[in-house]
């Protein structure tokens, strides 16, 4: 499971946690999130996220 960080506000999408408050189930790979999804903190689009190297 990977983590992705918003380059605008720094919020982290963790694939193991998902974003259930916004319809993304835990375990959902970032690539499988609908393109209409945006950062729940600042509204940035998916292309404004970078994969983190843990």
N, C-alpha and C. Protein backbone atom coordinates (compact mmCIF):
# COMPACT_ATOMS: atom_id res chain seq x y z
N UNK A 1 0.84 -1.18 0.00
CA UNK A 1 0.00 0.00 0.00
C UNK A 1 0.89 1.25 0.00
N UNK A 2 0.54 2.17 -0.84
CA UNK A 2 1.34 3.39 -0.99
C UNK A 2 0.63 4.57 -0.33
N UNK A 3 1.39 5.64 -0.18
CA UNK A 3 0.83 6.89 0.33
C UNK A 3 1.12 7.98 -0.69
N UNK A 4 0.17 8.91 -0.82
CA UNK A 4 0.26 10.00 -1.79
C UNK A 4 0.03 11.31 -1.06
N UNK A 5 0.88 12.30 -1.33
CA UNK A 5 0.77 13.58 -0.64
C UNK A 5 0.31 14.68 -1.58
N UNK A 6 -0.64 15.48 -1.09
CA UNK A 6 -1.13 16.64 -1.83
C UNK A 6 -0.03 17.69 -1.84
N UNK A 7 0.32 18.16 -3.05
CA UNK A 7 1.39 19.16 -3.16
C UNK A 7 0.90 20.56 -2.81
N UNK A 8 -0.40 20.72 -2.65
CA UNK A 8 -0.95 22.03 -2.32
C UNK A 8 -0.99 22.23 -0.80
N UNK A 9 -1.57 21.26 -0.07
CA UNK A 9 -1.75 21.45 1.37
C UNK A 9 -1.01 20.45 2.25
N UNK A 10 -0.47 19.38 1.64
CA UNK A 10 0.29 18.42 2.41
C UNK A 10 -0.51 17.25 2.96
N UNK A 11 -1.83 17.21 2.73
CA UNK A 11 -2.66 16.09 3.20
C UNK A 11 -2.18 14.81 2.55
N UNK A 12 -2.24 13.71 3.28
CA UNK A 12 -1.74 12.43 2.78
C UNK A 12 -2.88 11.44 2.59
N UNK A 13 -2.98 10.90 1.36
CA UNK A 13 -3.90 9.80 1.07
C UNK A 13 -3.14 8.52 1.29
N UNK A 14 -3.60 7.71 2.24
CA UNK A 14 -2.99 6.42 2.53
C UNK A 14 -3.91 5.36 1.96
N UNK A 15 -3.40 4.54 1.03
CA UNK A 15 -4.23 3.55 0.36
C UNK A 15 -4.87 2.57 1.35
N UNK A 16 -4.18 2.25 2.44
CA UNK A 16 -4.77 1.31 3.41
C UNK A 16 -5.98 1.91 4.12
N UNK A 17 -5.99 3.22 4.28
CA UNK A 17 -7.11 3.89 4.96
C UNK A 17 -8.20 4.35 4.01
N UNK A 18 -7.84 4.63 2.77
CA UNK A 18 -8.80 5.19 1.82
C UNK A 18 -9.26 6.57 2.25
N UNK A 19 -10.44 6.96 1.77
CA UNK A 19 -11.07 8.23 2.15
C UNK A 19 -12.57 7.96 2.25
N UNK A 20 -12.96 7.15 3.25
CA UNK A 20 -14.36 6.70 3.33
C UNK A 20 -15.38 7.84 3.46
N UNK A 21 -14.97 8.97 4.02
CA UNK A 21 -15.90 10.10 4.13
C UNK A 21 -16.26 10.66 2.77
N UNK A 22 -15.44 10.34 1.77
CA UNK A 22 -15.68 10.84 0.41
C UNK A 22 -15.83 9.71 -0.60
N UNK A 23 -16.26 8.54 -0.12
CA UNK A 23 -16.62 7.44 -1.01
C UNK A 23 -15.49 6.56 -1.51
N UNK A 24 -14.30 6.65 -0.89
CA UNK A 24 -13.17 5.81 -1.31
C UNK A 24 -12.90 4.80 -0.21
N UNK A 25 -13.16 3.53 -0.51
CA UNK A 25 -13.03 2.46 0.49
C UNK A 25 -11.58 2.23 0.88
N UNK A 26 -11.33 1.81 2.13
CA UNK A 26 -9.98 1.43 2.53
C UNK A 26 -9.43 0.36 1.59
N UNK A 27 -8.15 0.45 1.28
CA UNK A 27 -7.51 -0.51 0.39
C UNK A 27 -7.58 -0.12 -1.08
N UNK A 28 -8.17 1.02 -1.39
CA UNK A 28 -8.28 1.46 -2.78
C UNK A 28 -6.97 2.08 -3.26
N UNK A 29 -6.37 1.49 -4.32
CA UNK A 29 -5.15 2.09 -4.88
C UNK A 29 -5.46 3.48 -5.43
N UNK A 30 -4.51 4.38 -5.32
CA UNK A 30 -4.71 5.76 -5.78
C UNK A 30 -5.16 5.80 -7.23
N UNK A 31 -4.59 4.92 -8.05
CA UNK A 31 -4.92 4.89 -9.48
C UNK A 31 -6.38 4.53 -9.73
N UNK A 32 -7.02 3.86 -8.77
CA UNK A 32 -8.41 3.41 -8.94
C UNK A 32 -9.43 4.43 -8.41
N UNK A 33 -8.95 5.51 -7.79
CA UNK A 33 -9.87 6.55 -7.31
C UNK A 33 -10.43 7.26 -8.54
N UNK A 34 -11.74 7.55 -8.56
CA UNK A 34 -12.30 8.27 -9.71
C UNK A 34 -11.59 9.61 -9.95
N UNK A 35 -11.48 10.00 -11.21
CA UNK A 35 -10.80 11.26 -11.56
C UNK A 35 -11.54 12.48 -11.01
N UNK A 36 -12.78 12.30 -10.61
CA UNK A 36 -13.56 13.41 -10.07
C UNK A 36 -13.25 13.67 -8.60
N UNK A 37 -12.53 12.75 -7.95
CA UNK A 37 -12.18 12.90 -6.53
C UNK A 37 -11.19 14.04 -6.38
N UNK A 38 -11.32 14.78 -5.29
CA UNK A 38 -10.38 15.86 -4.98
C UNK A 38 -9.92 15.74 -3.54
N UNK A 39 -8.84 16.41 -3.21
CA UNK A 39 -8.31 16.43 -1.85
C UNK A 39 -9.41 16.91 -0.91
N UNK A 40 -9.67 16.15 0.16
CA UNK A 40 -10.74 16.54 1.07
C UNK A 40 -10.44 17.79 1.90
N UNK A 41 -9.19 18.23 1.91
CA UNK A 41 -8.81 19.41 2.68
C UNK A 41 -8.85 20.68 1.83
N UNK A 42 -8.21 20.62 0.64
CA UNK A 42 -8.08 21.85 -0.14
C UNK A 42 -8.73 21.82 -1.51
N UNK A 43 -9.22 20.64 -1.94
CA UNK A 43 -9.89 20.55 -3.23
C UNK A 43 -8.96 20.35 -4.42
N UNK A 44 -7.68 20.06 -4.16
CA UNK A 44 -6.73 19.81 -5.26
C UNK A 44 -7.13 18.55 -6.02
N UNK A 45 -6.84 18.53 -7.31
CA UNK A 45 -7.16 17.38 -8.14
C UNK A 45 -6.09 16.29 -7.99
N UNK A 46 -6.42 15.08 -8.48
CA UNK A 46 -5.50 13.94 -8.34
C UNK A 46 -4.12 14.21 -8.92
N UNK A 47 -4.05 15.00 -9.98
CA UNK A 47 -2.74 15.24 -10.61
C UNK A 47 -1.85 16.15 -9.77
N UNK A 48 -2.38 16.64 -8.66
CA UNK A 48 -1.58 17.47 -7.76
C UNK A 48 -1.09 16.68 -6.54
N UNK A 49 -1.09 15.35 -6.67
CA UNK A 49 -0.57 14.46 -5.62
C UNK A 49 0.69 13.79 -6.11
N UNK A 50 1.63 13.59 -5.22
CA UNK A 50 2.87 12.87 -5.52
C UNK A 50 2.96 11.64 -4.65
N UNK A 51 3.41 10.54 -5.25
CA UNK A 51 3.61 9.31 -4.49
C UNK A 51 4.77 9.50 -3.53
N UNK A 52 4.58 9.06 -2.29
CA UNK A 52 5.62 9.21 -1.28
C UNK A 52 6.52 7.97 -1.28
N UNK A 53 7.80 8.18 -1.05
CA UNK A 53 8.75 7.09 -0.92
C UNK A 53 8.98 6.87 0.56
N UNK A 54 8.34 5.84 1.09
CA UNK A 54 8.46 5.57 2.53
C UNK A 54 9.67 4.72 2.83
